[in-house]
PDB file of N, CA and C in Angstrom:
ATOM      1  N   MET A   1      74.404  63.925 115.575  1.00  0.00           N
ATOM      2  CA  MET A   1      73.218  63.137 115.326  1.00  0.00           C
ATOM      3  C   MET A   1      73.633  61.814 114.679  1.00  0.00           C
ATOM      4  N   LYS A   2      73.018  60.759 115.107  1.00  0.00           N
ATOM      5  CA  LYS A   2      73.340  59.456 114.555  1.00  0.00           C
ATOM      6  C   LYS A   2      72.748  59.302 113.158  1.00  0.00           C
ATOM      7  N   ARG A   3      73.368  58.435 112.409  1.00  0.00           N
ATOM      8  CA  ARG A   3      72.934  58.158 111.042  1.00  0.00           C
ATOM      9  C   ARG A   3      71.581  57.466 111.057  1.00  0.00           C
ATOM     10  N   ARG A   4      70.682  57.881 110.152  1.00  0.00           N
ATOM     11  CA  ARG A   4      69.352  57.285 110.089  1.00  0.00           C
ATOM     12  C   ARG A   4      68.683  57.678 108.798  1.00  0.00           C
ATOM     13  N   ILE A   5      67.641  56.966 108.415  1.00  0.00           N
ATOM     14  CA  ILE A   5      66.863  57.283 107.222  1.00  0.00           C
ATOM     15  C   ILE A   5      65.476  57.704 107.677  1.00  0.00           C
ATOM     16  N   ILE A   6      65.048  58.877 107.217  1.00  0.00           N
ATOM     17  CA  ILE A   6      63.740  59.417 107.576  1.00  0.00           C
ATOM     18  C   ILE A   6      62.778  59.153 106.424  1.00  0.00           C
ATOM     19  N   VAL A   7      61.599  58.604 106.734  1.00  0.00           N
ATOM     20  CA  VAL A   7      60.567  58.361 105.724  1.00  0.00           C
ATOM     21  C   VAL A   7      59.277  59.054 106.139  1.00  0.00           C
ATOM     22  N   GLU A   8      58.355  59.174 105.195  1.00  0.00           N
ATOM     23  CA  GLU A   8      57.076  59.818 105.474  1.00  0.00           C
ATOM     24  C   GLU A   8      56.249  58.976 106.442  1.00  0.00           C
ATOM     25  N   TYR A   9      55.262  59.644 107.049  1.00  0.00           N
ATOM     26  CA  TYR A   9      54.361  58.972 107.978  1.00  0.00           C
ATOM     27  C   TYR A   9      53.642  57.824 107.259  1.00  0.00           C
ATOM     28  N   GLY A  10      53.606  56.651 107.869  1.00  0.00           N
ATOM     29  CA  GLY A  10      52.925  55.495 107.304  1.00  0.00           C
ATOM     30  C   GLY A  10      53.802  54.649 106.398  1.00  0.00           C
ATOM     31  N   GLU A  11      54.954  55.166 106.026  1.00  0.00           N
ATOM     32  CA  GLU A  11      55.830  54.450 105.094  1.00  0.00           C
ATOM     33  C   GLU A  11      56.473  53.230 105.751  1.00  0.00           C
ATOM     34  N   VAL A  12      56.698  53.280 107.052  1.00  0.00           N
ATOM     35  CA  VAL A  12      57.298  52.134 107.753  1.00  0.00           C
ATOM     36  C   VAL A  12      56.379  50.921 107.643  1.00  0.00           C
ATOM     37  N   LYS A  13      55.075  51.121 107.832  1.00  0.00           N
ATOM     38  CA  LYS A  13      54.123  50.005 107.718  1.00  0.00           C
ATOM     39  C   LYS A  13      54.077  49.469 106.294  1.00  0.00           C
ATOM     40  N   ARG A  14      54.112  50.377 105.309  1.00  0.00           N
ATOM     41  CA  ARG A  14      54.076  49.943 103.908  1.00  0.00           C
ATOM     42  C   ARG A  14      55.316  49.123 103.555  1.00  0.00           C
ATOM     43  N   ILE A  15      56.471  49.586 104.003  1.00  0.00           N
ATOM     44  CA  ILE A  15      57.709  48.851 103.726  1.00  0.00           C
ATOM     45  C   ILE A  15      57.673  47.489 104.417  1.00  0.00           C
ATOM     46  N   ALA A  16      57.138  47.444 105.636  1.00  0.00           N
ATOM     47  CA  ALA A  16      57.038  46.175 106.363  1.00  0.00           C
ATOM     48  C   ALA A  16      56.164  45.181 105.597  1.00  0.00           C
ATOM     49  N   LEU A  17      55.052  45.661 105.043  1.00  0.00           N
ATOM     50  CA  LEU A  17      54.182  44.777 104.262  1.00  0.00           C
ATOM     51  C   LEU A  17      54.882  44.297 102.993  1.00  0.00           C
ATOM     52  N   LEU A  18      55.570  45.204 102.312  1.00  0.00           N
ATOM     53  CA  LEU A  18      56.250  44.840 101.066  1.00  0.00           C
ATOM     54  C   LEU A  18      57.412  43.879 101.296  1.00  0.00           C
ATOM     55  N   MET A  19      58.115  44.045 102.403  1.00  0.00           N
ATOM     56  CA  MET A  19      59.288  43.215 102.692  1.00  0.00           C
ATOM     57  C   MET A  19      58.944  41.989 103.542  1.00  0.00           C
ATOM     58  N   ASN A  20      57.676  41.850 103.904  1.00  0.00           N
ATOM     59  CA  ASN A  20      57.208  40.705 104.693  1.00  0.00           C
ATOM     60  C   ASN A  20      57.966  40.588 106.022  1.00  0.00           C
ATOM     61  N   CYS A  21      58.000  41.699 106.754  1.00  0.00           N
ATOM     62  CA  CYS A  21      58.644  41.710 108.068  1.00  0.00           C
ATOM     63  C   CYS A  21      57.827  42.618 108.991  1.00  0.00           C
ATOM     64  N   THR A  22      58.287  42.790 110.202  1.00  0.00           N
ATOM     65  CA  THR A  22      57.558  43.610 111.171  1.00  0.00           C
ATOM     66  C   THR A  22      57.957  45.083 111.045  1.00  0.00           C
ATOM     67  N   PRO A  23      57.068  45.983 111.465  1.00  0.00           N
ATOM     68  CA  PRO A  23      57.433  47.405 111.481  1.00  0.00           C
ATOM     69  C   PRO A  23      58.625  47.690 112.392  1.00  0.00           C
ATOM     70  N   GLU A  24      58.792  46.891 113.448  1.00  0.00           N
ATOM     71  CA  GLU A  24      59.933  47.062 114.343  1.00  0.00           C
ATOM     72  C   GLU A  24      61.247  46.804 113.605  1.00  0.00           C
ATOM     73  N   MET A  25      61.260  45.768 112.763  1.00  0.00           N
ATOM     74  CA  MET A  25      62.465  45.471 111.981  1.00  0.00           C
ATOM     75  C   MET A  25      62.782  46.620 111.037  1.00  0.00           C
ATOM     76  N   VAL A  26      61.753  47.212 110.437  1.00  0.00           N
ATOM     77  CA  VAL A  26      61.965  48.353 109.544  1.00  0.00           C
ATOM     78  C   VAL A  26      62.550  49.520 110.332  1.00  0.00           C
ATOM     79  N   SER A  27      62.001  49.781 111.510  1.00  0.00           N
ATOM     80  CA  SER A  27      62.512  50.883 112.333  1.00  0.00           C
ATOM     81  C   SER A  27      63.966  50.659 112.723  1.00  0.00           C
ATOM     82  N   TYR A  28      64.291  49.441 113.148  1.00  0.00           N
ATOM     83  CA  TYR A  28      65.678  49.130 113.504  1.00  0.00           C
ATOM     84  C   TYR A  28      66.602  49.284 112.301  1.00  0.00           C
ATOM     85  N   SER A  29      66.130  48.861 111.147  1.00  0.00           N
ATOM     86  CA  SER A  29      66.945  48.952 109.932  1.00  0.00           C
ATOM     87  C   SER A  29      67.194  50.398 109.540  1.00  0.00           C
ATOM     88  N   LEU A  30      66.160  51.231 109.618  1.00  0.00           N
ATOM     89  CA  LEU A  30      66.295  52.631 109.225  1.00  0.00           C
ATOM     90  C   LEU A  30      67.158  53.406 110.215  1.00  0.00           C
ATOM     91  N   ALA A  31      67.261  52.909 111.445  1.00  0.00           N
ATOM     92  CA  ALA A  31      68.105  53.549 112.455  1.00  0.00           C
ATOM     93  C   ALA A  31      69.514  52.940 112.480  1.00  0.00           C
ATOM     94  N   TYR A  32      69.801  52.035 111.540  1.00  0.00           N
ATOM     95  CA  TYR A  32      71.109  51.378 111.430  1.00  0.00           C
ATOM     96  C   TYR A  32      71.459  50.593 112.687  1.00  0.00           C
ATOM     97  N   ARG A  33      70.449  50.019 113.351  1.00  0.00           N
ATOM     98  CA  ARG A  33      70.713  49.149 114.499  1.00  0.00           C
ATOM     99  C   ARG A  33      70.863  47.696 114.068  1.00  0.00           C
ATOM    100  N   LYS A  34      70.430  47.392 112.849  1.00  0.00           N
ATOM    101  CA  LYS A  34      70.580  46.055 112.268  1.00  0.00           C
ATOM    102  C   LYS A  34      71.351  46.198 110.965  1.00  0.00           C
ATOM    103  N   ASN A  35      72.122  45.166 110.624  1.00  0.00           N
ATOM    104  CA  ASN A  35      72.871  45.228 109.378  1.00  0.00           C
ATOM    105  C   ASN A  35      72.829  43.887 108.649  1.00  0.00           C
ATOM    106  N   THR A  36      71.676  43.241 108.648  1.00  0.00           N
ATOM    107  CA  THR A  36      71.504  41.989 107.922  1.00  0.00           C
ATOM    108  C   THR A  36      71.197  42.295 106.456  1.00  0.00           C
ATOM    109  N   ARG A  37      71.098  41.251 105.651  1.00  0.00           N
ATOM    110  CA  ARG A  37      70.727  41.460 104.248  1.00  0.00           C
ATOM    111  C   ARG A  37      69.342  42.078 104.144  1.00  0.00           C
ATOM    112  N   LEU A  38      68.430  41.632 104.997  1.00  0.00           N
ATOM    113  CA  LEU A  38      67.085  42.198 105.000  1.00  0.00           C
ATOM    114  C   LEU A  38      67.129  43.675 105.368  1.00  0.00           C
ATOM    115  N   ALA A  39      67.916  44.026 106.364  1.00  0.00           N
ATOM    116  CA  ALA A  39      68.026  45.426 106.783  1.00  0.00           C
ATOM    117  C   ALA A  39      68.589  46.289 105.662  1.00  0.00           C
ATOM    118  N   GLN A  40      69.572  45.781 104.947  1.00  0.00           N
ATOM    119  CA  GLN A  40      70.142  46.533 103.826  1.00  0.00           C
ATOM    120  C   GLN A  40      69.116  46.716 102.715  1.00  0.00           C
ATOM    121  N   ALA A  41      68.310  45.674 102.460  1.00  0.00           N
ATOM    122  CA  ALA A  41      67.262  45.773 101.441  1.00  0.00           C
ATOM    123  C   ALA A  41      66.185  46.772 101.863  1.00  0.00           C
ATOM    124  N   ILE A  42      65.860  46.790 103.154  1.00  0.00           N
ATOM    125  CA  ILE A  42      64.869  47.738 103.676  1.00  0.00           C
ATOM    126  C   ILE A  42      65.366  49.164 103.492  1.00  0.00           C
ATOM    127  N   ARG A  43      66.634  49.419 103.821  1.00  0.00           N
ATOM    128  CA  ARG A  43      67.194  50.769 103.646  1.00  0.00           C
ATOM    129  C   ARG A  43      67.192  51.189 102.182  1.00  0.00           C
ATOM    130  N   LYS A  44      67.537  50.267 101.305  1.00  0.00           N
ATOM    131  CA  LYS A  44      67.544  50.570  99.870  1.00  0.00           C
ATOM    132  C   LYS A  44      66.137  50.918  99.395  1.00  0.00           C
ATOM    133  N   MET A  45      65.145  50.135  99.824  1.00  0.00           N
ATOM    134  CA  MET A  45      63.764  50.403  99.429  1.00  0.00           C
ATOM    135  C   MET A  45      63.290  51.740  99.989  1.00  0.00           C
ATOM    136  N   ALA A  46      63.646  52.042 101.227  1.00  0.00           N
ATOM    137  CA  ALA A  46      63.230  53.306 101.841  1.00  0.00           C
ATOM    138  C   ALA A  46      63.787  54.490 101.059  1.00  0.00           C
ATOM    139  N   LEU A  47      65.039  54.400 100.630  1.00  0.00           N
ATOM    140  CA  LEU A  47      65.639  55.482  99.847  1.00  0.00           C
ATOM    141  C   LEU A  47      64.974  55.600  98.477  1.00  0.00           C
ATOM    142  N   MET A  48      64.623  54.462  97.865  1.00  0.00           N
ATOM    143  CA  MET A  48      63.951  54.493  96.565  1.00  0.00           C
ATOM    144  C   MET A  48      62.550  55.077  96.680  1.00  0.00           C
ATOM    145  N   ARG A  49      61.924  54.910  97.844  1.00  0.00           N
ATOM    146  CA  ARG A  49      60.561  55.406  98.041  1.00  0.00           C
ATOM    147  C   ARG A  49      60.532  56.821  98.615  1.00  0.00           C
ATOM    148  N   GLY A  50      61.634  57.520  98.551  1.00  0.00           N
ATOM    149  CA  GLY A  50      61.648  58.928  98.942  1.00  0.00           C
ATOM    150  C   GLY A  50      62.228  59.223 100.306  1.00  0.00           C
ATOM    151  N   GLY A  51      62.819  58.244 100.954  1.00  0.00           N
ATOM    152  CA  GLY A  51      63.443  58.479 102.251  1.00  0.00           C
ATOM    153  C   GLY A  51      64.702  59.317 102.110  1.00  0.00           C
ATOM    154  N   VAL A  52      65.069  59.969 103.197  1.00  0.00           N
ATOM    155  CA  VAL A  52      66.245  60.839 103.200  1.00  0.00           C
ATOM    156  C   VAL A  52      67.187  60.384 104.304  1.00  0.00           C
ATOM    157  N   GLU A  53      68.454  60.195 103.939  1.00  0.00           N
ATOM    158  CA  GLU A  53      69.456  59.803 104.930  1.00  0.00           C
ATOM    159  C   GLU A  53      69.993  61.052 105.618  1.00  0.00           C
ATOM    160  N   VAL A  54      69.984  61.041 106.939  1.00  0.00           N
ATOM    161  CA  VAL A  54      70.461  62.181 107.722  1.00  0.00           C
ATOM    162  C   VAL A  54      71.486  61.689 108.734  1.00  0.00           C
ATOM    163  N   GLY A  55      72.200  62.625 109.318  1.00  0.00           N
ATOM    164  CA  GLY A  55      73.155  62.290 110.365  1.00  0.00           C
ATOM    165  C   GLY A  55      74.523  62.007 109.808  1.00  0.00           C
ATOM    166  N   ASP A  56      75.165  61.012 110.382  1.00  0.00           N
ATOM    167  CA  ASP A  56      76.513  60.599 110.014  1.00  0.00           C
ATOM    168  C   ASP A  56      77.539  61.692 110.279  1.00  0.00           C
ATOM    169  N   GLU A  57      77.320  62.467 111.337  1.00  0.00           N
ATOM    170  CA  GLU A  57      78.310  63.450 111.742  1.00  0.00           C
ATOM    171  C   GLU A  57      79.409  62.735 112.512  1.00  0.00           C
ATOM    172  N   PRO A  58      80.644  63.184 112.398  1.00  0.00           N
ATOM    173  CA  PRO A  58      81.720  62.521 113.138  1.00  0.00           C
ATOM    174  C   PRO A  58      81.513  62.641 114.647  1.00  0.00           C
ATOM    175  N   ILE A  59      81.808  61.566 115.331  1.00  0.00           N
ATOM    176  CA  ILE A  59      81.651  61.545 116.782  1.00  0.00           C
ATOM    177  C   ILE A  59      82.915  62.116 117.409  1.00  0.00           C
ATOM    178  N   ASN A  60      82.756  63.052 118.309  1.00  0.00           N
ATOM    179  CA  ASN A  60      83.892  63.675 118.977  1.00  0.00           C
ATOM    180  C   ASN A  60      84.276  62.815 120.176  1.00  0.00           C
ATOM    181  N   ASP A  61      85.273  61.962 119.979  1.00  0.00           N
ATOM    182  CA  ASP A  61      85.713  61.093 121.071  1.00  0.00           C
ATOM    183  C   ASP A  61      87.141  61.407 121.507  1.00  0.00           C
ATOM    184  N   MET A  62      87.596  62.622 121.231  1.00  0.00           N
ATOM    185  CA  MET A  62      88.943  63.025 121.644  1.00  0.00           C
ATOM    186  C   MET A  62      88.996  63.232 123.154  1.00  0.00           C
ATOM    187  N   ASN A  63      90.134  62.933 123.725  1.00  0.00           N
ATOM    188  CA  ASN A  63      90.342  63.151 125.147  1.00  0.00           C
ATOM    189  C   ASN A  63      90.907  64.552 125.320  1.00  0.00           C
ATOM    190  N   HIS A  64      90.146  65.430 125.926  1.00  0.00           N
ATOM    191  CA  HIS A  64      90.578  66.811 126.093  1.00  0.00           C
ATOM    192  C   HIS A  64      91.399  67.014 127.360  1.00  0.00           C
ATOM    193  N   GLY A  65      91.732  65.969 128.055  1.00  0.00           N
ATOM    194  CA  GLY A  65      92.539  66.090 129.259  1.00  0.00           C
ATOM    195  C   GLY A  65      93.964  66.522 128.964  1.00  0.00           C
ATOM    196  N   ASN A  66      94.438  66.237 127.762  1.00  0.00           N
ATOM    197  CA  ASN A  66      95.805  66.593 127.396  1.00  0.00           C
ATOM    198  C   ASN A  66      95.913  68.020 126.871  1.00  0.00           C
ATOM    199  N   ASP A  67      94.813  68.722 126.691  1.00  0.00           N
ATOM    200  CA  ASP A  67      94.851  70.098 126.193  1.00  0.00           C
ATOM    201  C   ASP A  67      95.557  71.023 127.181  1.00  0.00           C
ATOM    202  N   MET A  68      95.472  70.733 128.448  1.00  0.00           N
ATOM    203  CA  MET A  68      96.030  71.599 129.483  1.00  0.00           C
ATOM    204  C   MET A  68      97.313  70.996 130.057  1.00  0.00           C
ATOM    205  N   ALA A  69      98.058  70.259 129.261  1.00  0.00           N
ATOM    206  CA  ALA A  69      99.231  69.538 129.757  1.00  0.00           C
ATOM    207  C   ALA A  69     100.300  70.463 130.321  1.00  0.00           C
ATOM    208  N   GLY A  70     100.487  71.642 129.722  1.00  0.00           N
ATOM    209  CA  GLY A  70     101.534  72.537 130.179  1.00  0.00           C
ATOM    210  C   GLY A  70     101.094  73.495 131.259  1.00  0.00           C
ATOM    211  N   VAL A  71      99.838  73.468 131.659  1.00  0.00           N
ATOM    212  CA  VAL A  71      99.305  74.420 132.638  1.00  0.00           C
ATOM    213  C   VAL A  71      99.243  73.743 134.003  1.00  0.00           C
ATOM    214  N   VAL A  72      99.753  74.423 135.013  1.00  0.00           N
ATOM    215  CA  VAL A  72      99.709  73.902 136.378  1.00  0.00           C
ATOM    216  C   VAL A  72      98.329  74.193 136.956  1.00  0.00           C
ATOM    217  N   GLN A  73      97.666  73.142 137.397  1.00  0.00           N
ATOM    218  CA  GLN A  73      96.332  73.329 137.969  1.00  0.00           C
ATOM    219  C   GLN A  73      96.432  73.333 139.484  1.00  0.00           C
ATOM    220  N   GLU A  74      95.772  74.271 140.115  1.00  0.00           N
ATOM    221  CA  GLU A  74      95.818  74.376 141.577  1.00  0.00           C
ATOM    222  C   GLU A  74      94.512  73.968 142.192  1.00  0.00           C
TER     223      GLU A  74
END
C-alpha cells in the first residue's frame, strides 16, 4: 500500500479552508503526490487534527528471473 494520510470525513474541506487552497490540493498532499511547502504544511496540519499515516510498505522490485539460474527450463 502506498504511503498516505487518512483523515475523517469532511476534514479535507476544513483543511482546504484553513490553508486557503483547493480540496484537490489537500487530497494530492495527503496522498504524497505533491511535495511543496504548502503540501508539507497540509500534511502536518492533517496529522495534528487527528489524521493517521498509513502505508509506506517496501516495494518489491526484485527481479525474480535469477532465482532459477541453476535450473534448466524446457
